[in-house]
Amino acid sequence: MPADFNGTWDMVSNDNLDGYMIALDINFATRKVASMLKPQKVIKQDGDSFTLQTISSVLKYECSFKIGEEFEEVTKGMDNRKCWSVVNWDNDKLVCVQKGEKKDRGWTHWIQGDELHLELACEGQVCKQVFKRMRP
């Protein structure tokens, strides 16, 4: 049985967000605002169907997908690009490959203990984020 990602997760660390956003051509002012945010992730998982929400004081981004099925994604509120994404299991990790204007773009989510790890990649830049599961 794959990992259970269900829950609400609060950010505890965020390494190389600026480098990742530069690779996405995000402007200086937006990068500075984003670097101050501590977003929350809300993940709803039903078997191989997922809804991921990223929520902060200035942004709410939502993405829904089914494992193995390619979907059109608009990264609204982030770099506002359209790409084709597909998410697959790699053991207990969720691995997303995004095809579009930017090369080598995607993300990986996995759980260690009560932490949700997220690596965001684009054109050689990797941002590593860690979230802690909130207790109900």
Protein backbone atom coordinates (compact mmCIF):
# COMPACT_ATOMS: atom_id res chain seq x y z
CA MET A 1 0.00 0.00 0.00
CA PRO A 2 1.46 3.41 -0.93
CA ALA A 3 2.09 6.14 1.62
CA ASP A 4 -0.83 8.07 3.12
CA PHE A 5 -0.32 11.77 2.35
CA ASN A 6 -3.70 12.89 3.76
CA GLY A 7 -3.47 15.80 6.15
CA THR A 8 -2.59 19.40 6.79
CA TRP A 9 1.11 20.24 6.82
CA ASP A 10 2.85 23.43 8.06
CA MET A 11 6.14 24.55 6.50
CA VAL A 12 9.18 24.33 8.79
CA SER A 13 12.03 24.86 6.31
CA ASN A 14 12.57 26.16 2.81
CA ASP A 15 16.02 25.92 1.17
CA ASN A 16 16.95 27.51 -2.20
CA LEU A 17 13.50 28.88 -3.02
CA ASP A 18 15.13 31.96 -4.56
CA GLY A 19 17.33 29.90 -6.91
CA TYR A 20 14.32 27.84 -7.99
CA MET A 21 12.24 30.98 -8.64
CA ILE A 22 15.09 32.59 -10.64
CA ALA A 23 15.10 29.46 -12.85
CA LEU A 24 11.37 30.09 -13.40
CA ASP A 25 12.04 33.76 -14.36
CA ILE A 26 10.02 35.09 -11.42
CA ASN A 27 10.67 38.79 -10.79
CA PHE A 28 12.61 40.14 -7.82
CA ALA A 29 9.64 41.66 -5.94
CA THR A 30 7.60 38.46 -6.17
CA ARG A 31 10.60 36.39 -5.04
CA LYS A 32 11.09 38.60 -1.97
CA VAL A 33 7.43 38.29 -0.96
CA ALA A 34 7.47 34.52 -1.54
CA SER A 35 10.59 34.10 0.57
CA MET A 36 8.75 35.50 3.61
CA LEU A 37 5.75 33.18 3.33
CA LYS A 38 5.27 30.00 5.35
CA PRO A 39 2.64 28.18 3.29
CA GLN A 40 0.53 25.31 4.47
CA LYS A 41 -0.15 22.19 2.39
CA VAL A 42 -3.49 20.42 2.52
CA ILE A 43 -3.47 17.03 0.84
CA LYS A 44 -6.54 14.91 0.16
CA GLN A 45 -5.77 11.41 -1.07
CA ASP A 46 -8.32 8.81 -2.14
CA GLY A 47 -6.37 5.82 -3.46
CA ASP A 48 -4.55 7.13 -6.53
CA SER A 49 -6.55 10.39 -6.74
CA PHE A 50 -5.08 13.50 -5.13
CA THR A 51 -5.90 17.12 -4.47
CA LEU A 52 -2.97 19.25 -3.31
CA GLN A 53 -3.54 22.75 -1.96
CA THR A 54 -0.83 25.25 -1.13
CA ILE A 55 -2.23 28.03 1.04
CA SER A 56 -0.56 31.21 2.28
CA SER A 57 -1.68 34.71 3.21
CA VAL A 58 -1.37 35.82 -0.45
CA LEU A 59 -1.83 32.64 -2.48
CA LYS A 60 -4.05 29.60 -2.78
CA TYR A 61 -2.99 27.08 -5.39
CA GLU A 62 -4.84 23.83 -6.02
CA CYS A 63 -3.94 20.89 -8.21
CA SER A 64 -5.91 17.67 -8.69
CA PHE A 65 -4.66 14.56 -10.45
CA LYS A 66 -4.80 10.80 -10.71
CA ILE A 67 -1.61 8.75 -10.61
CA GLY A 68 -0.31 7.93 -14.10
CA GLU A 69 -2.69 10.25 -15.98
CA GLU A 70 -1.22 13.27 -17.76
CA PHE A 71 -3.06 16.54 -17.13
CA GLU A 72 -2.80 20.16 -18.17
CA GLU A 73 -1.59 22.31 -15.29
CA VAL A 74 -1.52 26.09 -15.09
CA THR A 75 0.81 27.16 -12.27
CA LYS A 76 -1.47 30.07 -11.41
CA GLY A 77 -0.09 32.39 -8.78
CA MET A 78 3.39 30.94 -9.14
CA ASP A 79 4.97 31.43 -12.58
CA ASN A 80 1.60 31.31 -14.40
CA ARG A 81 2.83 28.88 -17.07
CA LYS A 82 0.91 26.09 -18.70
CA CYS A 83 2.55 22.68 -18.66
CA TRP A 84 1.65 19.02 -19.03
CA SER A 85 2.16 17.11 -15.82
CA VAL A 86 2.10 13.45 -14.85
CA VAL A 87 2.54 12.08 -11.33
CA ASN A 88 3.65 8.53 -10.62
CA TRP A 89 4.59 6.46 -7.60
CA ASP A 90 8.29 5.71 -7.08
CA ASN A 91 8.02 3.33 -4.11
CA ASP A 92 6.42 5.63 -1.47
CA LYS A 93 7.34 8.88 -3.25
CA LEU A 94 5.07 10.94 -5.50
CA VAL A 95 7.12 12.06 -8.50
CA CYS A 96 5.77 14.70 -10.92
CA VAL A 97 7.31 15.45 -14.30
CA GLN A 98 6.19 18.73 -15.88
CA LYS A 99 6.67 19.33 -19.61
CA GLY A 100 6.51 22.89 -20.91
CA GLU A 101 8.66 25.97 -21.51
CA LYS A 102 11.13 25.14 -18.73
CA LYS A 103 13.41 22.12 -18.85
CA ASP A 104 13.85 19.47 -16.14
CA ARG A 105 10.87 20.74 -14.20
CA GLY A 106 8.94 18.78 -11.61
CA TRP A 107 8.61 17.85 -7.96
CA THR A 108 8.86 14.93 -5.55
CA HIS A 109 6.88 14.47 -2.31
CA TRP A 110 7.64 11.88 0.37
CA ILE A 111 6.95 11.34 4.05
CA GLN A 112 9.49 10.63 6.79
CA GLY A 113 7.95 10.23 10.22
CA ASP A 114 5.62 13.21 10.72
CA GLU A 115 7.38 15.31 8.05
CA LEU A 116 6.36 15.88 4.45
CA HIS A 117 9.34 16.53 2.19
CA LEU A 118 9.05 18.35 -1.13
CA GLU A 119 11.77 18.90 -3.71
CA LEU A 120 10.94 21.33 -6.51
CA ALA A 121 13.26 21.24 -9.54
CA CYS A 122 13.70 23.43 -12.60
CA GLU A 123 16.68 23.80 -14.93
CA GLY A 124 19.22 22.51 -12.42
CA GLN A 125 17.88 24.41 -9.39
CA VAL A 126 16.37 22.40 -6.53
CA CYS A 127 14.31 23.87 -3.70
CA LYS A 128 13.94 21.62 -0.66
CA GLN A 129 10.97 22.18 1.63
CA VAL A 130 9.93 20.35 4.80
CA PHE A 131 6.46 20.45 6.36
CA LYS A 132 5.30 19.10 9.73
CA ARG A 133 1.96 17.29 10.01
CA MET A 134 -0.57 19.22 12.08
CA ARG A 135 -2.34 17.23 14.73
CA PRO A 136 -6.16 17.34 14.65
